[in-house]
Amino acid sequence: MKKTLYAAAASLGLAATPALAQDDEVTLQLKWVTQAQFAGYYVALENGYYEDAGLDVTILPGGPDIAPTQVIAGGGADVVVEWMPAALAARENGLPLVNIAQPFASSGMMLTCWGDVGIEEPADLANRTLGVWFFGNEYPFLSWMSQLGIETDGASEGSVEVLKQGFNVDPLLQRQADCISTMTYNEYGQVIDAGVSPEELVTFKYEDQGVATLEDGLYVLEENLEDPAFVDKMARFVAASMKGWKWAEENPEEAAMIVLDYDETGAQSEHHQIRMMGEIAKLTAGSDGTLDPEAYQRTVETLLGGGSDPVIAQEPEGAWTHVITDQALN
C-alpha cells in the first residue's frame, strides 16, 4: 500500500512526505517450503510487525533444489534460515556466514524405529539398517554412532548399515529399514498419518542423546555486519520476527492458518500444519532469539567428532554474534 501511494504521488509530481517514505527492504530465504516450520516469519509479515519496524520483507520459500547458502552467496537474500552444520561448512569453505539469531532453542531431529524389531535402547541399533539423511544432516548421526562405538560401514559385526534416505518415510513403511530419520514436526507425523500408531514405534531424540546440532538459525554475510545501517535493519528484523514467533507459540492454530494462506502451492493440509505448529512451538519455546554459546559449542564438537569425515575440520572463529540480538532486545 505504501509503495502504491508513493508511486501515485510521484506520478502527480507531488513531493513524497516522510509518511510515504519506503521501508527498508529485507529478503529472507527459507530453508524449506512454506510450512509451519517458518510460521514466525509469516506471522510477523501478516500481523504487520515488519511494517511497524519500518521493514518491507520478502519471504522466499525453499525447496529440494534451493540451497540457502548459495542464494545468499549470489546476492539473492539478505538473511537466510539455515541449519548450523551447513552454515559452518559453508564458512569453512569460504562463504563467511554469521549466525545473528537462533529462534530454535532445541532440535527436532530424531530416529524413529519399529517397536517390534527388538530396539529398546541405542545399543540395540547395532546390526540394523538405518535410514539417514545426508547433505550435512548425517553428522549428528555419525557423531552419535561414534560415541556408542558402533561402526557405520555395514560390513563388520556390530556395525550399522546406513541407508541414504530421501525426504520421505517410505523406507520405514516398506520395512527397508528398522529406523529412519524424522523430524518431530514433520516426518514423524507422516508415519502416524500412514496408519502406524505411536505405540508401534520407538523414538530417539538427538537432543536427548547429546549430539543434536542447532537448526533454523538466521545467518547473514559477515561483511554486511560492518555496515551500521545493515546492523540496525537486522536488529529490527530479528525483533519483529521473534514477536511473530511468540505470537505463533501462543496461537498455534491461527499461526498455521496464516502459513496456509501464504502457501501458493496448495500442497499443505490444515491438519498437518496445525500439528506441525504445535511441535514447532516446543522447539522455539524459551528462546528470545539469542544464541546459546553452550548449544553452539555442542554443535561444533558434534560436527568435529562426526567420524572419519567430519563436516568441519577445525574450530570456527567469528561464526556467531550477539550484536544483533542485543540491539533487538533493547
C-alpha atoms as a PDB file:
ATOM      1  CA  MET A   1       0.000   0.000   0.000  1.00  0.00           C
ATOM      2  CA  LYS A   2       2.775   2.401   0.910  1.00  0.00           C
ATOM      3  CA  LYS A   3       4.546   1.700  -2.390  1.00  0.00           C
ATOM      4  CA  THR A   4       1.318   2.265  -4.330  1.00  0.00           C
ATOM      5  CA  LEU A   5       0.708   5.631  -2.649  1.00  0.00           C
ATOM      6  CA  TYR A   6       4.312   6.677  -3.200  1.00  0.00           C
ATOM      7  CA  ALA A   7       4.088   5.858  -6.907  1.00  0.00           C
ATOM      8  CA  ALA A   8       0.813   7.781  -7.229  1.00  0.00           C
ATOM      9  CA  ALA A   9       2.324  10.855  -5.589  1.00  0.00           C
ATOM     10  CA  ALA A  10       5.354  10.714  -7.857  1.00  0.00           C
ATOM     11  CA  SER A  11       3.165  10.468 -10.991  1.00  0.00           C
ATOM     12  CA  LEU A  12       1.351  13.649  -9.949  1.00  0.00           C
ATOM     13  CA  GLY A  13       4.602  15.487  -9.393  1.00  0.00           C
ATOM     14  CA  LEU A  14       3.996  15.684  -5.660  1.00  0.00           C
ATOM     15  CA  ALA A  15       6.803  15.630  -3.157  1.00  0.00           C
ATOM     16  CA  ALA A  16       6.878  12.435  -1.116  1.00  0.00           C
ATOM     17  CA  THR A  17       6.195  13.103   2.547  1.00  0.00           C
ATOM     18  CA  PRO A  18       8.038  11.233   5.326  1.00  0.00           C
ATOM     19  CA  ALA A  19       4.880   9.173   5.916  1.00  0.00           C
ATOM     20  CA  LEU A  20       5.162   7.835   2.375  1.00  0.00           C
ATOM     21  CA  ALA A  21       8.874   7.004   2.551  1.00  0.00           C
ATOM     22  CA  GLN A  22       9.714   3.468   1.537  1.00  0.00           C
ATOM     23  CA  ASP A  23      10.521   0.919   4.225  1.00  0.00           C
ATOM     24  CA  ASP A  24      13.926  -0.755   4.350  1.00  0.00           C
ATOM     25  CA  GLU A  25      13.817  -3.855   2.176  1.00  0.00           C
ATOM     26  CA  VAL A  26      14.789  -7.270   3.551  1.00  0.00           C
ATOM     27  CA  THR A  27      14.758 -10.533   1.626  1.00  0.00           C
ATOM     28  CA  LEU A  28      14.595 -13.710   3.716  1.00  0.00           C
ATOM     29  CA  GLN A  29      15.405 -17.097   2.151  1.00  0.00           C
ATOM     30  CA  LEU A  30      13.807 -20.061   3.937  1.00  0.00           C
ATOM     31  CA  LYS A  31      15.462 -23.459   4.230  1.00  0.00           C
ATOM     32  CA  TRP A  32      12.414 -25.373   3.001  1.00  0.00           C
ATOM     33  CA  VAL A  33       8.960 -24.924   1.510  1.00  0.00           C
ATOM     34  CA  THR A  34       6.248 -22.753   3.051  1.00  0.00           C
ATOM     35  CA  GLN A  35       5.138 -24.583   6.197  1.00  0.00           C
ATOM     36  CA  ALA A  36       4.686 -24.025   9.929  1.00  0.00           C
ATOM     37  CA  GLN A  37       8.422 -24.581  10.450  1.00  0.00           C
ATOM     38  CA  PHE A  38       8.698 -20.903   9.441  1.00  0.00           C
ATOM     39  CA  ALA A  39       5.451 -19.643  10.980  1.00  0.00           C
ATOM     40  CA  GLY A  40       7.070 -16.848  12.983  1.00  0.00           C
ATOM     41  CA  TYR A  41       8.171 -15.027   9.844  1.00  0.00           C
ATOM     42  CA  TYR A  42       4.812 -15.339   8.108  1.00  0.00           C
ATOM     43  CA  VAL A  43       3.026 -14.191  11.277  1.00  0.00           C
ATOM     44  CA  ALA A  44       5.328 -11.165  11.525  1.00  0.00           C
ATOM     45  CA  LEU A  45       4.528 -10.341   7.902  1.00  0.00           C
ATOM     46  CA  GLU A  46       0.778 -10.902   8.194  1.00  0.00           C
ATOM     47  CA  ASN A  47       0.335  -9.145  11.546  1.00  0.00           C
ATOM     48  CA  GLY A  48       2.273  -6.086  10.419  1.00  0.00           C
ATOM     49  CA  TYR A  49       5.217  -6.493  12.796  1.00  0.00           C
ATOM     50  CA  TYR A  50       7.718  -5.962   9.998  1.00  0.00           C
ATOM     51  CA  GLU A  51       5.838  -2.920   8.714  1.00  0.00           C
ATOM     52  CA  ASP A  52       5.728  -1.493  12.236  1.00  0.00           C
ATOM     53  CA  ALA A  53       9.516  -1.895  12.348  1.00  0.00           C
ATOM     54  CA  GLY A  54       9.925   0.038   9.106  1.00  0.00           C
ATOM     55  CA  LEU A  55      10.675  -3.033   7.042  1.00  0.00           C
ATOM     56  CA  ASP A  56       9.461  -4.284   3.665  1.00  0.00           C
ATOM     57  CA  VAL A  57      10.130  -8.020   3.960  1.00  0.00           C
ATOM     58  CA  THR A  58      10.024 -10.537   1.129  1.00  0.00           C
ATOM     59  CA  ILE A  59       9.968 -14.213   2.159  1.00  0.00           C
ATOM     60  CA  LEU A  60      11.337 -16.682  -0.393  1.00  0.00           C
ATOM     61  CA  PRO A  61      10.274 -20.333   0.078  1.00  0.00           C
ATOM     62  CA  GLY A  62      12.927 -23.010  -0.223  1.00  0.00           C
ATOM     63  CA  GLY A  63      12.757 -26.465  -1.738  1.00  0.00           C
ATOM     64  CA  PRO A  64      14.794 -29.540  -2.671  1.00  0.00           C
ATOM     65  CA  ASP A  65      16.728 -27.630  -5.340  1.00  0.00           C
ATOM     66  CA  ILE A  66      17.308 -24.458  -3.318  1.00  0.00           C
ATOM     67  CA  ALA A  67      20.338 -24.109  -1.034  1.00  0.00           C
ATOM     68  CA  PRO A  68      20.093 -21.017   1.184  1.00  0.00           C
ATOM     69  CA  THR A  69      23.886 -20.735   1.304  1.00  0.00           C
ATOM     70  CA  GLN A  70      24.031 -20.495  -2.478  1.00  0.00           C
ATOM     71  CA  VAL A  71      21.206 -17.959  -2.579  1.00  0.00           C
ATOM     72  CA  ILE A  72      22.878 -15.570  -0.145  1.00  0.00           C
ATOM     73  CA  ALA A  73      26.269 -16.084  -1.804  1.00  0.00           C
ATOM     74  CA  GLY A  74      24.706 -14.997  -5.088  1.00  0.00           C
ATOM     75  CA  GLY A  75      23.137 -11.896  -3.568  1.00  0.00           C
ATOM     76  CA  GLY A  76      19.602 -13.272  -3.689  1.00  0.00           C
ATOM     77  CA  ALA A  77      18.882 -12.748   0.003  1.00  0.00           C
ATOM     78  CA  ASP A  78      19.947 -10.534   2.900  1.00  0.00           C
ATOM     79  CA  VAL A  79      19.383 -13.216   5.535  1.00  0.00           C
ATOM     80  CA  VAL A  80      18.736 -16.958   5.381  1.00  0.00           C
ATOM     81  CA  VAL A  81      17.280 -19.669   7.582  1.00  0.00           C
ATOM     82  CA  GLU A  82      19.817 -22.482   7.748  1.00  0.00           C
ATOM     83  CA  TRP A  83      20.932 -25.364   9.951  1.00  0.00           C
ATOM     84  CA  MET A  84      24.251 -24.730  11.658  1.00  0.00           C
ATOM     85  CA  PRO A  85      26.103 -27.726  10.133  1.00  0.00           C
ATOM     86  CA  ALA A  86      25.535 -26.360   6.627  1.00  0.00           C
ATOM     87  CA  ALA A  87      26.362 -22.811   7.709  1.00  0.00           C
ATOM     88  CA  LEU A  88      29.617 -23.773   9.429  1.00  0.00           C
ATOM     89  CA  ALA A  89      30.630 -25.971   6.488  1.00  0.00           C
ATOM     90  CA  ALA A  90      29.989 -23.082   4.125  1.00  0.00           C
ATOM     91  CA  ARG A  91      32.041 -20.753   6.331  1.00  0.00           C
ATOM     92  CA  GLU A  92      34.986 -23.156   6.376  1.00  0.00           C
ATOM     93  CA  ASN A  93      34.743 -23.414   2.575  1.00  0.00           C
ATOM     94  CA  GLY A  94      34.981 -19.665   2.093  1.00  0.00           C
ATOM     95  CA  LEU A  95      31.454 -18.278   2.499  1.00  0.00           C
ATOM     96  CA  PRO A  96      31.649 -16.163   5.690  1.00  0.00           C
ATOM     97  CA  LEU A  97      28.206 -16.774   7.183  1.00  0.00           C
ATOM     98  CA  VAL A  98      27.493 -15.478  10.687  1.00  0.00           C
ATOM     99  CA  ASN A  99      24.671 -16.576  12.975  1.00  0.00           C
ATOM    100  CA  ILE A 100      22.855 -13.423  14.137  1.00  0.00           C
ATOM    101  CA  ALA A 101      19.908 -15.094  15.907  1.00  0.00           C
ATOM    102  CA  GLN A 102      18.714 -18.537  16.964  1.00  0.00           C
ATOM    103  CA  PRO A 103      14.888 -18.738  17.206  1.00  0.00           C
ATOM    104  CA  PHE A 104      15.005 -22.544  17.616  1.00  0.00           C
ATOM    105  CA  ALA A 105      16.271 -23.394  21.103  1.00  0.00           C
ATOM    106  CA  SER A 106      16.274 -27.158  20.583  1.00  0.00           C
ATOM    107  CA  SER A 107      16.463 -29.753  17.821  1.00  0.00           C
ATOM    108  CA  GLY A 108      13.532 -31.609  16.301  1.00  0.00           C
ATOM    109  CA  MET A 109      15.593 -34.385  14.738  1.00  0.00           C
ATOM    110  CA  MET A 110      15.124 -37.967  15.871  1.00  0.00           C
ATOM    111  CA  LEU A 111      15.463 -41.580  14.813  1.00  0.00           C
ATOM    112  CA  THR A 112      12.141 -43.384  14.541  1.00  0.00           C
ATOM    113  CA  CYS A 113      12.177 -47.192  14.740  1.00  0.00           C
ATOM    114  CA  TRP A 114       9.751 -50.067  14.547  1.00  0.00           C
ATOM    115  CA  GLY A 115       8.971 -51.296  18.030  1.00  0.00           C
ATOM    116  CA  ASP A 116       8.697 -54.940  17.002  1.00  0.00           C
ATOM    117  CA  VAL A 117      12.321 -55.426  15.889  1.00  0.00           C
ATOM    118  CA  GLY A 118      13.866 -55.521  19.351  1.00  0.00           C
ATOM    119  CA  ILE A 119      15.239 -51.992  19.575  1.00  0.00           C
ATOM    120  CA  GLU A 120      14.763 -50.586  23.068  1.00  0.00           C
ATOM    121  CA  GLU A 121      17.932 -48.565  23.659  1.00  0.00           C
ATOM    122  CA  PRO A 122      20.684 -47.033  21.496  1.00  0.00           C
ATOM    123  CA  ALA A 123      22.963 -50.049  21.910  1.00  0.00           C
ATOM    124  CA  ASP A 124      20.329 -52.138  20.109  1.00  0.00           C
ATOM    125  CA  LEU A 125      20.937 -50.182  16.898  1.00  0.00           C
ATOM    126  CA  ALA A 126      23.975 -52.365  16.125  1.00  0.00           C
ATOM    127  CA  ASN A 127      23.484 -54.739  13.199  1.00  0.00           C
ATOM    128  CA  ARG A 128      20.493 -52.747  11.934  1.00  0.00           C
ATOM    129  CA  THR A 129      19.663 -50.909   8.724  1.00  0.00           C
ATOM    130  CA  LEU A 130      19.068 -47.252   9.488  1.00  0.00           C
ATOM    131  CA  GLY A 131      17.760 -44.530   7.203  1.00  0.00           C
ATOM    132  CA  VAL A 132      19.911 -41.399   7.438  1.00  0.00           C
ATOM    133  CA  TRP A 133      19.604 -38.019   5.723  1.00  0.00           C
ATOM    134  CA  PHE A 134      22.785 -36.767   4.100  1.00  0.00           C
ATOM    135  CA  PHE A 135      23.884 -33.361   2.713  1.00  0.00           C
ATOM    136  CA  GLY A 136      25.191 -32.384   6.157  1.00  0.00           C
ATOM    137  CA  ASN A 137      22.310 -33.892   8.123  1.00  0.00           C
ATOM    138  CA  GLU A 138      24.234 -37.116   8.709  1.00  0.00           C
ATOM    139  CA  TYR A 139      26.791 -35.655  11.101  1.00  0.00           C
ATOM    140  CA  PRO A 140      24.747 -35.803  14.318  1.00  0.00           C
ATOM    141  CA  PHE A 141      24.097 -39.462  13.481  1.00  0.00           C
ATOM    142  CA  LEU A 142      27.757 -40.215  12.778  1.00  0.00           C
ATOM    143  CA  SER A 143      28.835 -38.486  15.976  1.00  0.00           C
ATOM    144  CA  TRP A 144      26.222 -40.439  17.938  1.00  0.00           C
ATOM    145  CA  MET A 145      27.383 -43.748  16.491  1.00  0.00           C
ATOM    146  CA  SER A 146      30.993 -42.802  17.222  1.00  0.00           C
ATOM    147  CA  GLN A 147      30.107 -42.149  20.867  1.00  0.00           C
ATOM    148  CA  LEU A 148      28.349 -45.522  21.026  1.00  0.00           C
ATOM    149  CA  GLY A 149      31.352 -47.278  19.452  1.00  0.00           C
ATOM    150  CA  ILE A 150      29.219 -48.536  16.564  1.00  0.00           C
ATOM    151  CA  GLU A 151      30.798 -48.660  13.114  1.00  0.00           C
ATOM    152  CA  THR A 152      28.744 -47.434  10.155  1.00  0.00           C
ATOM    153  CA  ASP A 153      30.306 -49.485   7.353  1.00  0.00           C
ATOM    154  CA  GLY A 154      27.581 -52.142   7.377  1.00  0.00           C
ATOM    155  CA  ALA A 155      30.176 -54.840   6.856  1.00  0.00           C
ATOM    156  CA  SER A 156      31.730 -55.597  10.219  1.00  0.00           C
ATOM    157  CA  GLU A 157      29.960 -57.399  13.041  1.00  0.00           C
ATOM    158  CA  GLY A 158      28.074 -54.983  15.253  1.00  0.00           C
ATOM    159  CA  SER A 159      28.062 -52.182  12.690  1.00  0.00           C
ATOM    160  CA  VAL A 160      25.016 -50.496  11.177  1.00  0.00           C
ATOM    161  CA  GLU A 161      24.121 -50.399   7.516  1.00  0.00           C
ATOM    162  CA  VAL A 162      23.326 -46.835   6.524  1.00  0.00           C
ATOM    163  CA  LEU A 163      20.551 -46.342   4.004  1.00  0.00           C
ATOM    164  CA  LYS A 164      20.752 -42.947   2.312  1.00  0.00           C
ATOM    165  CA  GLN A 165      17.253 -41.697   2.947  1.00  0.00           C
ATOM    166  CA  GLY A 166      15.279 -39.341   0.789  1.00  0.00           C
ATOM    167  CA  PHE A 167      12.921 -36.794   2.334  1.00  0.00           C
ATOM    168  CA  ASN A 168      10.120 -39.290   2.840  1.00  0.00           C
ATOM    169  CA  VAL A 169       9.191 -42.109   5.222  1.00  0.00           C
ATOM    170  CA  ASP A 170       8.903 -44.934   2.681  1.00  0.00           C
ATOM    171  CA  PRO A 171      11.953 -46.913   3.925  1.00  0.00           C
ATOM    172  CA  LEU A 172      10.244 -47.427   7.284  1.00  0.00           C
ATOM    173  CA  LEU A 173       6.760 -48.097   5.961  1.00  0.00           C
ATOM    174  CA  GLN A 174       8.115 -50.582   3.416  1.00  0.00           C
ATOM    175  CA  ARG A 175      10.354 -52.243   6.029  1.00  0.00           C
ATOM    176  CA  GLN A 176      13.512 -51.399   4.099  1.00  0.00           C
ATOM    177  CA  ALA A 177      14.982 -50.005   7.316  1.00  0.00           C
ATOM    178  CA  ASP A 178      14.462 -50.704  11.004  1.00  0.00           C
ATOM    179  CA  CYS A 179      14.697 -46.960  11.756  1.00  0.00           C
ATOM    180  CA  ILE A 180      14.606 -43.755   9.738  1.00  0.00           C
ATOM    181  CA  SER A 181      15.422 -40.090  10.254  1.00  0.00           C
ATOM    182  CA  THR A 182      12.402 -37.960  11.149  1.00  0.00           C
ATOM    183  CA  MET A 183      11.646 -34.508  12.478  1.00  0.00           C
ATOM    184  CA  THR A 184       9.279 -34.270  15.430  1.00  0.00           C
ATOM    185  CA  TYR A 185       7.175 -31.770  13.496  1.00  0.00           C
ATOM    186  CA  ASN A 186       7.074 -33.379  10.059  1.00  0.00           C
ATOM    187  CA  GLU A 187       8.064 -36.908   9.049  1.00  0.00           C
ATOM    188  CA  TYR A 188       7.041 -38.481  12.370  1.00  0.00           C
ATOM    189  CA  GLY A 189       3.530 -37.194  11.722  1.00  0.00           C
ATOM    190  CA  GLN A 190       3.655 -38.642   8.214  1.00  0.00           C
ATOM    191  CA  VAL A 191       4.365 -42.067   9.709  1.00  0.00           C
ATOM    192  CA  ILE A 192       1.371 -41.691  12.018  1.00  0.00           C
ATOM    193  CA  ASP A 193      -0.810 -40.494   9.137  1.00  0.00           C
ATOM    194  CA  ALA A 194       0.145 -43.660   7.236  1.00  0.00           C
ATOM    195  CA  GLY A 195      -1.735 -45.687   9.848  1.00  0.00           C
ATOM    196  CA  VAL A 196       1.067 -46.511  12.281  1.00  0.00           C
ATOM    197  CA  SER A 197       0.250 -45.933  15.949  1.00  0.00           C
ATOM    198  CA  PRO A 198       2.760 -44.282  18.315  1.00  0.00           C
ATOM    199  CA  GLU A 199       2.693 -47.479  20.385  1.00  0.00           C
ATOM    200  CA  GLU A 200       4.213 -49.358  17.446  1.00  0.00           C
ATOM    201  CA  LEU A 201       7.239 -47.062  17.378  1.00  0.00           C
ATOM    202  CA  VAL A 202      10.381 -46.370  19.401  1.00  0.00           C
ATOM    203  CA  THR A 203      11.985 -42.946  19.034  1.00  0.00           C
ATOM    204  CA  PHE A 204      15.366 -41.493  19.979  1.00  0.00           C
ATOM    205  CA  LYS A 205      15.651 -37.704  20.016  1.00  0.00           C
ATOM    206  CA  TYR A 206      19.094 -36.401  19.140  1.00  0.00           C
ATOM    207  CA  GLU A 207      18.627 -33.703  21.770  1.00  0.00           C
ATOM    208  CA  ASP A 208      18.330 -36.425  24.430  1.00  0.00           C
ATOM    209  CA  GLN A 209      21.445 -38.197  23.113  1.00  0.00           C
ATOM    210  CA  GLY A 210      23.570 -35.067  23.482  1.00  0.00           C
ATOM    211  CA  VAL A 211      24.501 -34.869  19.803  1.00  0.00           C
ATOM    212  CA  ALA A 212      21.843 -32.500  18.481  1.00  0.00           C
ATOM    213  CA  THR A 213      23.057 -29.667  16.275  1.00  0.00           C
ATOM    214  CA  LEU A 214      21.383 -26.261  16.104  1.00  0.00           C
ATOM    215  CA  GLU A 215      18.678 -25.872  13.478  1.00  0.00           C
ATOM    216  CA  ASP A 216      16.892 -22.977  11.791  1.00  0.00           C
ATOM    217  CA  GLY A 217      19.170 -20.120  12.765  1.00  0.00           C
ATOM    218  CA  LEU A 218      19.331 -16.774  10.962  1.00  0.00           C
ATOM    219  CA  TYR A 219      22.543 -16.125   9.024  1.00  0.00           C
ATOM    220  CA  VAL A 220      23.995 -13.151   7.147  1.00  0.00           C
ATOM    221  CA  LEU A 221      27.260 -12.428   5.373  1.00  0.00           C
ATOM    222  CA  GLU A 222      29.987 -11.236   7.727  1.00  0.00           C
ATOM    223  CA  GLU A 223      30.970  -8.251   5.596  1.00  0.00           C
ATOM    224  CA  ASN A 224      27.464  -6.784   5.882  1.00  0.00           C
ATOM    225  CA  LEU A 225      27.795  -6.579   9.662  1.00  0.00           C
ATOM    226  CA  GLU A 226      30.406  -3.838   9.151  1.00  0.00           C
ATOM    227  CA  ASP A 227      27.586  -1.561   7.941  1.00  0.00           C
ATOM    228  CA  PRO A 228      25.756   0.125  10.891  1.00  0.00           C
ATOM    229  CA  ALA A 229      22.640   0.597   8.747  1.00  0.00           C
ATOM    230  CA  PHE A 230      22.518  -3.132   7.982  1.00  0.00           C
ATOM    231  CA  VAL A 231      23.014  -3.992  11.651  1.00  0.00           C
ATOM    232  CA  ASP A 232      20.141  -1.694  12.585  1.00  0.00           C
ATOM    233  CA  LYS A 233      17.933  -3.230   9.892  1.00  0.00           C
ATOM    234  CA  MET A 234      18.698  -6.758  11.034  1.00  0.00           C
ATOM    235  CA  ALA A 235      18.059  -5.843  14.688  1.00  0.00           C
ATOM    236  CA  ARG A 236      14.607  -4.590  13.723  1.00  0.00           C
ATOM    237  CA  PHE A 237      14.051  -7.687  11.596  1.00  0.00           C
ATOM    238  CA  VAL A 238      15.016 -10.071  14.410  1.00  0.00           C
ATOM    239  CA  ALA A 239      12.890  -8.191  16.973  1.00  0.00           C
ATOM    240  CA  ALA A 240       9.834  -8.314  14.700  1.00  0.00           C
ATOM    241  CA  SER A 241      10.479 -11.962  13.798  1.00  0.00           C
ATOM    242  CA  MET A 242      10.707 -13.015  17.441  1.00  0.00           C
ATOM    243  CA  LYS A 243       7.464 -11.156  18.123  1.00  0.00           C
ATOM    244  CA  GLY A 244       5.981 -13.269  15.352  1.00  0.00           C
ATOM    245  CA  TRP A 245       7.384 -16.453  16.872  1.00  0.00           C
ATOM    246  CA  LYS A 246       6.000 -15.709  20.322  1.00  0.00           C
ATOM    247  CA  TRP A 247       2.558 -14.962  18.838  1.00  0.00           C
ATOM    248  CA  ALA A 248       2.733 -18.244  16.895  1.00  0.00           C
ATOM    249  CA  GLU A 249       3.594 -20.164  20.072  1.00  0.00           C
ATOM    250  CA  GLU A 250       0.591 -18.693  21.847  1.00  0.00           C
ATOM    251  CA  ASN A 251      -1.773 -19.050  18.884  1.00  0.00           C
ATOM    252  CA  PRO A 252      -0.674 -22.248  17.080  1.00  0.00           C
ATOM    253  CA  GLU A 253      -3.859 -22.913  15.128  1.00  0.00           C
ATOM    254  CA  GLU A 254      -4.164 -19.316  13.939  1.00  0.00           C
ATOM    255  CA  ALA A 255      -0.461 -19.311  13.008  1.00  0.00           C
ATOM    256  CA  ALA A 256      -0.923 -22.493  10.978  1.00  0.00           C
ATOM    257  CA  MET A 257      -3.786 -20.886   9.081  1.00  0.00           C
ATOM    258  CA  ILE A 258      -1.627 -17.857   8.287  1.00  0.00           C
ATOM    259  CA  VAL A 259       1.030 -20.196   6.875  1.00  0.00           C
ATOM    260  CA  LEU A 260      -1.595 -21.906   4.724  1.00  0.00           C
ATOM    261  CA  ASP A 261      -2.660 -18.532   3.324  1.00  0.00           C
ATOM    262  CA  TYR A 262       0.912 -17.972   2.112  1.00  0.00           C
ATOM    263  CA  ASP A 263       1.320 -21.470   0.635  1.00  0.00           C
ATOM    264  CA  GLU A 264       0.933 -20.750  -3.065  1.00  0.00           C
ATOM    265  CA  THR A 265       1.382 -24.422  -3.975  1.00  0.00           C
ATOM    266  CA  GLY A 266      -1.703 -25.580  -2.083  1.00  0.00           C
ATOM    267  CA  ALA A 267       0.264 -28.689  -1.098  1.00  0.00           C
ATOM    268  CA  GLN A 268      -0.095 -28.284   2.665  1.00  0.00           C
ATOM    269  CA  SER A 269      -3.052 -29.586   4.647  1.00  0.00           C
ATOM    270  CA  GLU A 270      -4.704 -27.839   7.579  1.00  0.00           C
ATOM    271  CA  HIS A 271      -4.394 -30.940   9.779  1.00  0.00           C
ATOM    272  CA  HIS A 272      -0.668 -31.364   9.130  1.00  0.00           C
ATOM    273  CA  GLN A 273       0.177 -27.665   9.565  1.00  0.00           C
ATOM    274  CA  ILE A 274      -1.693 -27.326  12.851  1.00  0.00           C
ATOM    275  CA  ARG A 275       0.091 -30.383  14.203  1.00  0.00           C
ATOM    276  CA  MET A 276       3.419 -29.105  12.880  1.00  0.00           C
ATOM    277  CA  MET A 277       2.953 -25.735  14.539  1.00  0.00           C
ATOM    278  CA  GLY A 278       2.242 -27.436  17.858  1.00  0.00           C
ATOM    279  CA  GLU A 279       5.555 -29.298  17.631  1.00  0.00           C
ATOM    280  CA  ILE A 280       7.490 -26.290  16.351  1.00  0.00           C
ATOM    281  CA  ALA A 281       6.291 -24.274  19.350  1.00  0.00           C
ATOM    282  CA  LYS A 282       8.109 -26.755  21.593  1.00  0.00           C
ATOM    283  CA  LEU A 283      11.385 -26.043  19.755  1.00  0.00           C
ATOM    284  CA  THR A 284      11.139 -22.242  19.878  1.00  0.00           C
ATOM    285  CA  ALA A 285       9.839 -22.183  23.465  1.00  0.00           C
ATOM    286  CA  GLY A 286      12.103 -20.247  25.803  1.00  0.00           C
ATOM    287  CA  SER A 287      14.082 -18.587  23.019  1.00  0.00           C
ATOM    288  CA  ASP A 288      14.293 -14.820  22.690  1.00  0.00           C
ATOM    289  CA  GLY A 289      16.430 -15.264  19.589  1.00  0.00           C
ATOM    290  CA  THR A 290      19.779 -15.137  21.397  1.00  0.00           C
ATOM    291  CA  LEU A 291      22.214 -17.915  20.503  1.00  0.00           C
ATOM    292  CA  ASP A 292      23.195 -20.073  23.490  1.00  0.00           C
ATOM    293  CA  PRO A 293      27.022 -20.355  23.389  1.00  0.00           C
ATOM    294  CA  GLU A 294      26.871 -23.788  25.055  1.00  0.00           C
ATOM    295  CA  ALA A 295      24.496 -25.114  22.396  1.00  0.00           C
ATOM    296  CA  TYR A 296      26.796 -23.633  19.753  1.00  0.00           C
ATOM    297  CA  GLN A 297      29.811 -25.371  21.270  1.00  0.00           C
ATOM    298  CA  ARG A 298      27.950 -28.673  21.479  1.00  0.00           C
ATOM    299  CA  THR A 299      27.130 -28.323  17.787  1.00  0.00           C
ATOM    300  CA  VAL A 300      30.764 -27.648  16.902  1.00  0.00           C
ATOM    301  CA  GLU A 301      32.001 -30.617  18.937  1.00  0.00           C
ATOM    302  CA  THR A 302      29.397 -32.867  17.328  1.00  0.00           C
ATOM    303  CA  LEU A 303      30.474 -31.791  13.849  1.00  0.00           C
ATOM    304  CA  LEU A 304      34.171 -32.176  14.619  1.00  0.00           C
ATOM    305  CA  GLY A 305      33.520 -35.622  16.066  1.00  0.00           C
ATOM    306  CA  GLY A 306      31.429 -36.937  13.205  1.00  0.00           C
ATOM    307  CA  GLY A 307      33.617 -39.889  12.305  1.00  0.00           C
ATOM    308  CA  SER A 308      36.406 -40.042   9.747  1.00  0.00           C
ATOM    309  CA  ASP A 309      34.865 -37.374   7.505  1.00  0.00           C
ATOM    310  CA  PRO A 310      33.754 -34.505   9.786  1.00  0.00           C
ATOM    311  CA  VAL A 311      31.724 -31.661   8.321  1.00  0.00           C
ATOM    312  CA  ILE A 312      34.276 -29.146   9.624  1.00  0.00           C
ATOM    313  CA  ALA A 313      37.972 -29.734  10.164  1.00  0.00           C
ATOM    314  CA  GLN A 314      38.727 -27.020  12.705  1.00  0.00           C
ATOM    315  CA  GLU A 315      37.131 -24.872  15.389  1.00  0.00           C
ATOM    316  CA  PRO A 316      35.334 -21.960  13.678  1.00  0.00           C
ATOM    317  CA  GLU A 317      36.112 -18.352  14.556  1.00  0.00           C
ATOM    318  CA  GLY A 318      33.677 -15.465  14.262  1.00  0.00           C
ATOM    319  CA  ALA A 319      30.782 -17.725  13.258  1.00  0.00           C
ATOM    320  CA  TRP A 320      28.217 -16.031  15.511  1.00  0.00           C
ATOM    321  CA  THR A 321      27.469 -12.719  17.141  1.00  0.00           C
ATOM    322  CA  HIS A 322      25.160 -11.341  19.820  1.00  0.00           C
ATOM    323  CA  VAL A 323      25.367  -7.825  18.388  1.00  0.00           C
ATOM    324  CA  ILE A 324      22.029  -8.135  16.562  1.00  0.00           C
ATOM    325  CA  THR A 325      20.038  -9.783  19.339  1.00  0.00           C
ATOM    326  CA  ASP A 326      21.484  -7.446  21.971  1.00  0.00           C
ATOM    327  CA  GLN A 327      20.231  -4.494  19.959  1.00  0.00           C
ATOM    328  CA  ALA A 328      16.933  -6.214  19.106  1.00  0.00           C
ATOM    329  CA  LEU A 329      16.148  -6.933  22.751  1.00  0.00           C
ATOM    330  CA  ASN A 330      16.921  -3.389  23.786  1.00  0.00           C
END
